[in-house]
Amino acid sequence: MNVGFRTDRGIDKKSNEDSLHVDTERGLYIVADGMGGHNGGEIASHIAVQQIASCLAQGPDLGEETSKMLEQAVARANKAIYVMAASDPW
């Protein structure tokens, strides 16, 4: 399977704050919108993608438990972003 991806900063934004992760072997594609205009949007989107990809990489192959793994990964990413924002207001 061929995979391609593209993000766009949008018309009114000065930079593209989106982050993505592609793991074709596992069929895992993660995209996080950086919420352009908000402080640290690019940092938050990067942390979200990094944390979710890391969490899912530690688990078994994606299958029946994927939903629960993904829920835990998103919760972990949310906590990491919250902790980072609380300690560094960007």
PDB file of N, CA and C in Angstrom:
ATOM      1  N   MET A   1       0.835  -1.159   0.000  1.00  0.00           N
ATOM      2  CA  MET A   1       0.000   0.000   0.000  1.00  0.00           C
ATOM      3  C   MET A   1       0.891   1.236   0.000  1.00  0.00           C
ATOM      4  N   ASN A   2       0.543   2.205  -0.813  1.00  0.00           N
ATOM      5  CA  ASN A   2       1.237   3.491  -0.823  1.00  0.00           C
ATOM      6  C   ASN A   2       0.511   4.453   0.084  1.00  0.00           C
ATOM      7  N   VAL A   3       1.277   5.230   0.804  1.00  0.00           N
ATOM      8  CA  VAL A   3       0.702   6.193   1.735  1.00  0.00           C
ATOM      9  C   VAL A   3       1.314   7.555   1.453  1.00  0.00           C
ATOM     10  N   GLY A   4       0.487   8.570   1.489  1.00  0.00           N
ATOM     11  CA  GLY A   4       0.960   9.937   1.337  1.00  0.00           C
ATOM     12  C   GLY A   4       0.285  10.800   2.387  1.00  0.00           C
ATOM     13  N   PHE A   5       0.873  11.917   2.667  1.00  0.00           N
ATOM     14  CA  PHE A   5       0.270  12.812   3.639  1.00  0.00           C
ATOM     15  C   PHE A   5       0.674  14.237   3.330  1.00  0.00           C
ATOM     16  N   ARG A   6      -0.158  15.138   3.788  1.00  0.00           N
ATOM     17  CA  ARG A   6       0.115  16.549   3.577  1.00  0.00           C
ATOM     18  C   ARG A   6      -0.656  17.338   4.624  1.00  0.00           C
ATOM     19  N   THR A   7      -0.047  18.355   5.159  1.00  0.00           N
ATOM     20  CA  THR A   7      -0.760  19.268   6.041  1.00  0.00           C
ATOM     21  C   THR A   7      -0.627  20.666   5.454  1.00  0.00           C
ATOM     22  N   ASP A   8      -1.450  21.552   5.913  1.00  0.00           N
ATOM     23  CA  ASP A   8      -1.467  22.912   5.388  1.00  0.00           C
ATOM     24  C   ASP A   8      -1.656  23.880   6.547  1.00  0.00           C
ATOM     25  N   ARG A   9      -0.930  24.948   6.557  1.00  0.00           N
ATOM     26  CA  ARG A   9      -1.018  25.915   7.649  1.00  0.00           C
ATOM     27  C   ARG A   9      -2.323  26.700   7.611  1.00  0.00           C
ATOM     28  N   GLY A  10      -2.994  26.707   6.499  1.00  0.00           N
ATOM     29  CA  GLY A  10      -4.231  27.469   6.363  1.00  0.00           C
ATOM     30  C   GLY A  10      -3.952  28.870   5.846  1.00  0.00           C
ATOM     31  N   ILE A  11      -4.999  29.559   5.508  1.00  0.00           N
ATOM     32  CA  ILE A  11      -4.879  30.877   4.884  1.00  0.00           C
ATOM     33  C   ILE A  11      -4.378  31.944   5.852  1.00  0.00           C
ATOM     34  N   ASP A  12      -4.908  31.941   7.065  1.00  0.00           N
ATOM     35  CA  ASP A  12      -4.622  33.025   8.007  1.00  0.00           C
ATOM     36  C   ASP A  12      -3.494  32.734   8.993  1.00  0.00           C
ATOM     37  N   LYS A  13      -2.888  31.582   8.930  1.00  0.00           N
ATOM     38  CA  LYS A  13      -1.879  31.200   9.921  1.00  0.00           C
ATOM     39  C   LYS A  13      -0.475  31.505   9.406  1.00  0.00           C
ATOM     40  N   LYS A  14       0.422  31.852  10.340  1.00  0.00           N
ATOM     41  CA  LYS A  14       1.803  32.158   9.980  1.00  0.00           C
ATOM     42  C   LYS A  14       2.665  30.904   9.880  1.00  0.00           C
ATOM     43  N   SER A  15       2.255  29.852  10.595  1.00  0.00           N
ATOM     44  CA  SER A  15       3.040  28.614  10.565  1.00  0.00           C
ATOM     45  C   SER A  15       2.109  27.415  10.656  1.00  0.00           C
ATOM     46  N   ASN A  16       2.627  26.273  10.310  1.00  0.00           N
ATOM     47  CA  ASN A  16       1.877  25.023  10.384  1.00  0.00           C
ATOM     48  C   ASN A  16       2.228  24.354  11.703  1.00  0.00           C
ATOM     49  N   GLU A  17       1.239  24.174  12.563  1.00  0.00           N
ATOM     50  CA  GLU A  17       1.480  23.594  13.882  1.00  0.00           C
ATOM     51  C   GLU A  17       1.027  22.138  13.963  1.00  0.00           C
ATOM     52  N   ASP A  18       0.664  21.559  12.827  1.00  0.00           N
ATOM     53  CA  ASP A  18       0.208  20.172  12.805  1.00  0.00           C
ATOM     54  C   ASP A  18       1.396  19.228  12.975  1.00  0.00           C
ATOM     55  N   SER A  19       1.129  18.073  13.574  1.00  0.00           N
ATOM     56  CA  SER A  19       2.140  17.021  13.699  1.00  0.00           C
ATOM     57  C   SER A  19       1.520  15.715  13.231  1.00  0.00           C
ATOM     58  N   LEU A  20       2.365  14.835  12.726  1.00  0.00           N
ATOM     59  CA  LEU A  20       1.852  13.544  12.288  1.00  0.00           C
ATOM     60  C   LEU A  20       2.868  12.443  12.487  1.00  0.00           C
ATOM     61  N   HIS A  21       2.342  11.231  12.495  1.00  0.00           N
ATOM     62  CA  HIS A  21       3.166  10.027  12.639  1.00  0.00           C
ATOM     63  C   HIS A  21       2.570   8.971  11.724  1.00  0.00           C
ATOM     64  N   VAL A  22       3.422   8.311  10.946  1.00  0.00           N
ATOM     65  CA  VAL A  22       2.971   7.262  10.041  1.00  0.00           C
ATOM     66  C   VAL A  22       3.759   5.998  10.325  1.00  0.00           C
ATOM     67  N   ASP A  23       3.073   4.913  10.637  1.00  0.00           N
ATOM     68  CA  ASP A  23       3.680   3.602  10.838  1.00  0.00           C
ATOM     69  C   ASP A  23       2.930   2.632   9.925  1.00  0.00           C
ATOM     70  N   THR A  24       3.439   2.482   8.701  1.00  0.00           N
ATOM     71  CA  THR A  24       2.732   1.660   7.711  1.00  0.00           C
ATOM     72  C   THR A  24       2.735   0.183   8.083  1.00  0.00           C
ATOM     73  N   GLU A  25       3.749  -0.262   8.801  1.00  0.00           N
ATOM     74  CA  GLU A  25       3.800  -1.677   9.185  1.00  0.00           C
ATOM     75  C   GLU A  25       2.649  -2.055  10.107  1.00  0.00           C
ATOM     76  N   ARG A  26       2.264  -1.143  10.971  1.00  0.00           N
ATOM     77  CA  ARG A  26       1.174  -1.414  11.914  1.00  0.00           C
ATOM     78  C   ARG A  26      -0.153  -0.828  11.458  1.00  0.00           C
ATOM     79  N   GLY A  27      -0.141  -0.065  10.375  1.00  0.00           N
ATOM     80  CA  GLY A  27      -1.362   0.582   9.915  1.00  0.00           C
ATOM     81  C   GLY A  27      -1.798   1.678  10.857  1.00  0.00           C
ATOM     82  N   LEU A  28      -0.831   2.417  11.390  1.00  0.00           N
ATOM     83  CA  LEU A  28      -1.096   3.453  12.378  1.00  0.00           C
ATOM     84  C   LEU A  28      -0.783   4.822  11.781  1.00  0.00           C
ATOM     85  N   TYR A  29      -1.775   5.697  11.792  1.00  0.00           N
ATOM     86  CA  TYR A  29      -1.633   7.038  11.246  1.00  0.00           C
ATOM     87  C   TYR A  29      -2.200   8.015  12.279  1.00  0.00           C
ATOM     88  N   ILE A  30      -1.360   8.909  12.760  1.00  0.00           N
ATOM     89  CA  ILE A  30      -1.775   9.848  13.801  1.00  0.00           C
ATOM     90  C   ILE A  30      -1.578  11.265  13.269  1.00  0.00           C
ATOM     91  N   VAL A  31      -2.607  12.080  13.404  1.00  0.00           N
ATOM     92  CA  VAL A  31      -2.528  13.491  13.031  1.00  0.00           C
ATOM     93  C   VAL A  31      -3.052  14.315  14.195  1.00  0.00           C
ATOM     94  N   ALA A  32      -2.298  15.332  14.576  1.00  0.00           N
ATOM     95  CA  ALA A  32      -2.730  16.233  15.641  1.00  0.00           C
ATOM     96  C   ALA A  32      -2.734  17.658  15.100  1.00  0.00           C
ATOM     97  N   ASP A  33      -3.860  18.313  15.211  1.00  0.00           N
ATOM     98  CA  ASP A  33      -4.007  19.691  14.764  1.00  0.00           C
ATOM     99  C   ASP A  33      -3.427  20.605  15.836  1.00  0.00           C
ATOM    100  N   GLY A  34      -2.525  21.485  15.437  1.00  0.00           N
ATOM    101  CA  GLY A  34      -1.823  22.344  16.391  1.00  0.00           C
ATOM    102  C   GLY A  34      -2.610  23.513  16.917  1.00  0.00           C
ATOM    103  N   MET A  35      -3.854  23.689  16.523  1.00  0.00           N
ATOM    104  CA  MET A  35      -4.686  24.794  17.023  1.00  0.00           C
ATOM    105  C   MET A  35      -3.977  26.126  16.839  1.00  0.00           C
ATOM    106  N   GLY A  36      -3.640  26.448  15.605  1.00  0.00           N
ATOM    107  CA  GLY A  36      -2.934  27.678  15.280  1.00  0.00           C
ATOM    108  C   GLY A  36      -3.492  28.898  15.978  1.00  0.00           C
ATOM    109  N   GLY A  37      -2.606  29.709  16.480  1.00  0.00           N
ATOM    110  CA  GLY A  37      -3.010  30.919  17.179  1.00  0.00           C
ATOM    111  C   GLY A  37      -3.004  30.768  18.691  1.00  0.00           C
ATOM    112  N   HIS A  38      -3.017  29.541  19.189  1.00  0.00           N
ATOM    113  CA  HIS A  38      -2.958  29.324  20.631  1.00  0.00           C
ATOM    114  C   HIS A  38      -1.507  29.109  21.038  1.00  0.00           C
ATOM    115  N   ASN A  39      -1.144  29.569  22.213  1.00  0.00           N
ATOM    116  CA  ASN A  39       0.231  29.406  22.682  1.00  0.00           C
ATOM    117  C   ASN A  39       0.620  27.933  22.713  1.00  0.00           C
ATOM    118  N   GLY A  40       1.767  27.627  22.138  1.00  0.00           N
ATOM    119  CA  GLY A  40       2.303  26.283  22.206  1.00  0.00           C
ATOM    120  C   GLY A  40       1.563  25.241  21.383  1.00  0.00           C
ATOM    121  N   GLY A  41       0.788  25.659  20.403  1.00  0.00           N
ATOM    122  CA  GLY A  41       0.034  24.697  19.595  1.00  0.00           C
ATOM    123  C   GLY A  41       0.916  23.663  18.931  1.00  0.00           C
ATOM    124  N   GLU A  42       2.055  24.099  18.410  1.00  0.00           N
ATOM    125  CA  GLU A  42       2.965  23.156  17.747  1.00  0.00           C
ATOM    126  C   GLU A  42       3.611  22.210  18.748  1.00  0.00           C
ATOM    127  N   ILE A  43       3.845  22.690  19.964  1.00  0.00           N
ATOM    128  CA  ILE A  43       4.422  21.844  21.004  1.00  0.00           C
ATOM    129  C   ILE A  43       3.396  20.813  21.456  1.00  0.00           C
ATOM    130  N   ALA A  44       2.178  21.243  21.678  1.00  0.00           N
ATOM    131  CA  ALA A  44       1.126  20.330  22.115  1.00  0.00           C
ATOM    132  C   ALA A  44       0.847  19.255  21.069  1.00  0.00           C
ATOM    133  N   SER A  45       0.792  19.635  19.800  1.00  0.00           N
ATOM    134  CA  SER A  45       0.523  18.631  18.764  1.00  0.00           C
ATOM    135  C   SER A  45       1.673  17.639  18.654  1.00  0.00           C
ATOM    136  N   HIS A  46       2.891  18.126  18.808  1.00  0.00           N
ATOM    137  CA  HIS A  46       4.062  17.234  18.761  1.00  0.00           C
ATOM    138  C   HIS A  46       4.049  16.261  19.942  1.00  0.00           C
ATOM    139  N   ILE A  47       3.782  16.765  21.134  1.00  0.00           N
ATOM    140  CA  ILE A  47       3.726  15.901  22.321  1.00  0.00           C
ATOM    141  C   ILE A  47       2.625  14.859  22.161  1.00  0.00           C
ATOM    142  N   ALA A  48       1.464  15.278  21.672  1.00  0.00           N
ATOM    143  CA  ALA A  48       0.351  14.345  21.493  1.00  0.00           C
ATOM    144  C   ALA A  48       0.733  13.203  20.567  1.00  0.00           C
ATOM    145  N   VAL A  49       1.296  13.523  19.423  1.00  0.00           N
ATOM    146  CA  VAL A  49       1.687  12.485  18.459  1.00  0.00           C
ATOM    147  C   VAL A  49       2.773  11.589  19.043  1.00  0.00           C
ATOM    148  N   GLN A  50       3.774  12.197  19.662  1.00  0.00           N
ATOM    149  CA  GLN A  50       4.883  11.437  20.239  1.00  0.00           C
ATOM    150  C   GLN A  50       4.399  10.484  21.330  1.00  0.00           C
ATOM    151  N   GLN A  51       3.575  10.975  22.225  1.00  0.00           N
ATOM    152  CA  GLN A  51       3.091  10.151  23.336  1.00  0.00           C
ATOM    153  C   GLN A  51       2.190   9.017  22.845  1.00  0.00           C
ATOM    154  N   ILE A  52       1.282   9.309  21.938  1.00  0.00           N
ATOM    155  CA  ILE A  52       0.374   8.275  21.431  1.00  0.00           C
ATOM    156  C   ILE A  52       1.146   7.216  20.665  1.00  0.00           C
ATOM    157  N   ALA A  53       2.053   7.620  19.798  1.00  0.00           N
ATOM    158  CA  ALA A  53       2.849   6.658  19.035  1.00  0.00           C
ATOM    159  C   ALA A  53       3.698   5.797  19.961  1.00  0.00           C
ATOM    160  N   SER A  54       4.307   6.422  20.971  1.00  0.00           N
ATOM    161  CA  SER A  54       5.146   5.690  21.920  1.00  0.00           C
ATOM    162  C   SER A  54       4.327   4.671  22.709  1.00  0.00           C
ATOM    163  N   CYS A  55       3.183   5.092  23.195  1.00  0.00           N
ATOM    164  CA  CYS A  55       2.321   4.210  23.983  1.00  0.00           C
ATOM    165  C   CYS A  55       1.847   3.022  23.152  1.00  0.00           C
ATOM    166  N   LEU A  56       1.414   3.283  21.933  1.00  0.00           N
ATOM    167  CA  LEU A  56       0.920   2.194  21.079  1.00  0.00           C
ATOM    168  C   LEU A  56       2.050   1.275  20.625  1.00  0.00           C
ATOM    169  N   ALA A  57       3.259   1.802  20.498  1.00  0.00           N
ATOM    170  CA  ALA A  57       4.399   0.979  20.090  1.00  0.00           C
ATOM    171  C   ALA A  57       4.779  -0.019  21.173  1.00  0.00           C
ATOM    172  N   GLN A  58       4.469   0.290  22.427  1.00  0.00           N
ATOM    173  CA  GLN A  58       4.815  -0.597  23.536  1.00  0.00           C
ATOM    174  C   GLN A  58       3.846  -1.761  23.667  1.00  0.00           C
ATOM    175  N   GLY A  59       2.681  -1.616  23.074  1.00  0.00           N
ATOM    176  CA  GLY A  59       1.658  -2.648  23.198  1.00  0.00           C
ATOM    177  C   GLY A  59       1.783  -3.700  22.107  1.00  0.00           C
ATOM    178  N   PRO A  60       0.892  -4.669  22.127  1.00  0.00           N
ATOM    179  CA  PRO A  60       0.890  -5.699  21.089  1.00  0.00           C
ATOM    180  C   PRO A  60       0.422  -5.117  19.768  1.00  0.00           C
ATOM    181  N   ASP A  61       0.483  -5.907  18.732  1.00  0.00           N
ATOM    182  CA  ASP A  61      -0.021  -5.459  17.439  1.00  0.00           C
ATOM    183  C   ASP A  61      -1.446  -4.967  17.590  1.00  0.00           C
ATOM    184  N   LEU A  62      -1.780  -3.991  16.790  1.00  0.00           N
ATOM    185  CA  LEU A  62      -3.121  -3.424  16.864  1.00  0.00           C
ATOM    186  C   LEU A  62      -4.136  -4.499  16.486  1.00  0.00           C
ATOM    187  N   GLY A  63      -5.160  -4.606  17.256  1.00  0.00           N
ATOM    188  CA  GLY A  63      -6.186  -5.610  17.027  1.00  0.00           C
ATOM    189  C   GLY A  63      -7.374  -5.331  17.903  1.00  0.00           C
ATOM    190  N   GLU A  64      -7.861  -6.372  18.558  1.00  0.00           N
ATOM    191  CA  GLU A  64      -9.061  -6.245  19.371  1.00  0.00           C
ATOM    192  C   GLU A  64      -8.897  -5.252  20.521  1.00  0.00           C
ATOM    193  N   GLU A  65      -7.706  -5.134  21.062  1.00  0.00           N
ATOM    194  CA  GLU A  65      -7.468  -4.244  22.204  1.00  0.00           C
ATOM    195  C   GLU A  65      -7.137  -2.814  21.776  1.00  0.00           C
ATOM    196  N   THR A  66      -7.208  -2.539  20.488  1.00  0.00           N
ATOM    197  CA  THR A  66      -6.794  -1.238  19.973  1.00  0.00           C
ATOM    198  C   THR A  66      -7.558  -0.092  20.613  1.00  0.00           C
ATOM    199  N   SER A  67      -8.858  -0.229  20.762  1.00  0.00           N
ATOM    200  CA  SER A  67      -9.670   0.850  21.321  1.00  0.00           C
ATOM    201  C   SER A  67      -9.213   1.217  22.725  1.00  0.00           C
ATOM    202  N   LYS A  68      -8.989   0.228  23.561  1.00  0.00           N
ATOM    203  CA  LYS A  68      -8.549   0.482  24.937  1.00  0.00           C
ATOM    204  C   LYS A  68      -7.133   1.071  24.945  1.00  0.00           C
ATOM    205  N   MET A  69      -6.248   0.539  24.108  1.00  0.00           N
ATOM    206  CA  MET A  69      -4.885   1.059  24.014  1.00  0.00           C
ATOM    207  C   MET A  69      -4.898   2.515  23.567  1.00  0.00           C
ATOM    208  N   LEU A  70      -5.734   2.823  22.583  1.00  0.00           N
ATOM    209  CA  LEU A  70      -5.803   4.181  22.072  1.00  0.00           C
ATOM    210  C   LEU A  70      -6.346   5.136  23.135  1.00  0.00           C
ATOM    211  N   GLU A  71      -7.340   4.699  23.864  1.00  0.00           N
ATOM    212  CA  GLU A  71      -7.895   5.519  24.949  1.00  0.00           C
ATOM    213  C   GLU A  71      -6.813   5.830  25.986  1.00  0.00           C
ATOM    214  N   GLN A  72      -6.037   4.838  26.352  1.00  0.00           N
ATOM    215  CA  GLN A  72      -4.966   5.039  27.328  1.00  0.00           C
ATOM    216  C   GLN A  72      -3.876   5.954  26.760  1.00  0.00           C
ATOM    217  N   ALA A  73      -3.567   5.781  25.477  1.00  0.00           N
ATOM    218  CA  ALA A  73      -2.530   6.592  24.845  1.00  0.00           C
ATOM    219  C   ALA A  73      -2.941   8.059  24.786  1.00  0.00           C
ATOM    220  N   VAL A  74      -4.188   8.317  24.452  1.00  0.00           N
ATOM    221  CA  VAL A  74      -4.670   9.703  24.390  1.00  0.00           C
ATOM    222  C   VAL A  74      -4.690  10.315  25.789  1.00  0.00           C
ATOM    223  N   ALA A  75      -5.086   9.557  26.788  1.00  0.00           N
ATOM    224  CA  ALA A  75      -5.072  10.056  28.167  1.00  0.00           C
ATOM    225  C   ALA A  75      -3.646  10.391  28.595  1.00  0.00           C
ATOM    226  N   ARG A  76      -2.705   9.539  28.220  1.00  0.00           N
ATOM    227  CA  ARG A  76      -1.298   9.786  28.561  1.00  0.00           C
ATOM    228  C   ARG A  76      -0.789  11.050  27.857  1.00  0.00           C
ATOM    229  N   ALA A  77      -1.155  11.219  26.602  1.00  0.00           N
ATOM    230  CA  ALA A  77      -0.746  12.416  25.859  1.00  0.00           C
ATOM    231  C   ALA A  77      -1.355  13.661  26.472  1.00  0.00           C
ATOM    232  N   ASN A  78      -2.616  13.593  26.836  1.00  0.00           N
ATOM    233  CA  ASN A  78      -3.290  14.734  27.456  1.00  0.00           C
ATOM    234  C   ASN A  78      -2.596  15.129  28.758  1.00  0.00           C
ATOM    235  N   LYS A  79      -2.242  14.139  29.555  1.00  0.00           N
ATOM    236  CA  LYS A  79      -1.565  14.422  30.828  1.00  0.00           C
ATOM    237  C   LYS A  79      -0.199  15.057  30.576  1.00  0.00           C
ATOM    238  N   ALA A  80       0.541  14.555  29.590  1.00  0.00           N
ATOM    239  CA  ALA A  80       1.864  15.104  29.284  1.00  0.00           C
ATOM    240  C   ALA A  80       1.759  16.555  28.828  1.00  0.00           C
ATOM    241  N   ILE A  81       0.752  16.865  28.025  1.00  0.00           N
ATOM    242  CA  ILE A  81       0.552  18.239  27.563  1.00  0.00           C
ATOM    243  C   ILE A  81       0.172  19.133  28.744  1.00  0.00           C
ATOM    244  N   TYR A  82      -0.711  18.648  29.599  1.00  0.00           N
ATOM    245  CA  TYR A  82      -1.144  19.411  30.771  1.00  0.00           C
ATOM    246  C   TYR A  82       0.046  19.720  31.685  1.00  0.00           C
ATOM    247  N   VAL A  83       0.856  18.710  31.960  1.00  0.00           N
ATOM    248  CA  VAL A  83       2.028  18.893  32.827  1.00  0.00           C
ATOM    249  C   VAL A  83       2.995  19.888  32.209  1.00  0.00           C
ATOM    250  N   MET A  84       3.238  19.763  30.905  1.00  0.00           N
ATOM    251  CA  MET A  84       4.156  20.680  30.216  1.00  0.00           C
ATOM    252  C   MET A  84       3.615  22.114  30.262  1.00  0.00           C
ATOM    253  N   ALA A  85       2.330  22.269  30.004  1.00  0.00           N
ATOM    254  CA  ALA A  85       1.735  23.614  30.008  1.00  0.00           C
ATOM    255  C   ALA A  85       1.761  24.240  31.402  1.00  0.00           C
ATOM    256  N   ALA A  86       1.563  23.414  32.415  1.00  0.00           N
ATOM    257  CA  ALA A  86       1.568  23.919  33.796  1.00  0.00           C
ATOM    258  C   ALA A  86       2.960  24.363  34.238  1.00  0.00           C
ATOM    259  N   SER A  87       3.982  23.699  33.708  1.00  0.00           N
ATOM    260  CA  SER A  87       5.347  24.023  34.130  1.00  0.00           C
ATOM    261  C   SER A  87       6.015  25.053  33.231  1.00  0.00           C
ATOM    262  N   ASP A  88       5.500  25.232  32.014  1.00  0.00           N
ATOM    263  CA  ASP A  88       6.103  26.154  31.066  1.00  0.00           C
ATOM    264  C   ASP A  88       4.984  26.783  30.229  1.00  0.00           C
ATOM    265  N   PRO A  89       4.640  28.025  30.480  1.00  0.00           N
ATOM    266  CA  PRO A  89       3.499  28.626  29.782  1.00  0.00           C
ATOM    267  C   PRO A  89       3.764  28.947  28.304  1.00  0.00           C
ATOM    268  N   TRP A  90       4.837  28.483  27.749  1.00  0.00           N
ATOM    269  CA  TRP A  90       5.221  28.674  26.352  1.00  0.00           C
ATOM    270  C   TRP A  90       5.222  30.128  26.015  1.00  0.00           C
TER     271      TRP A  90
END
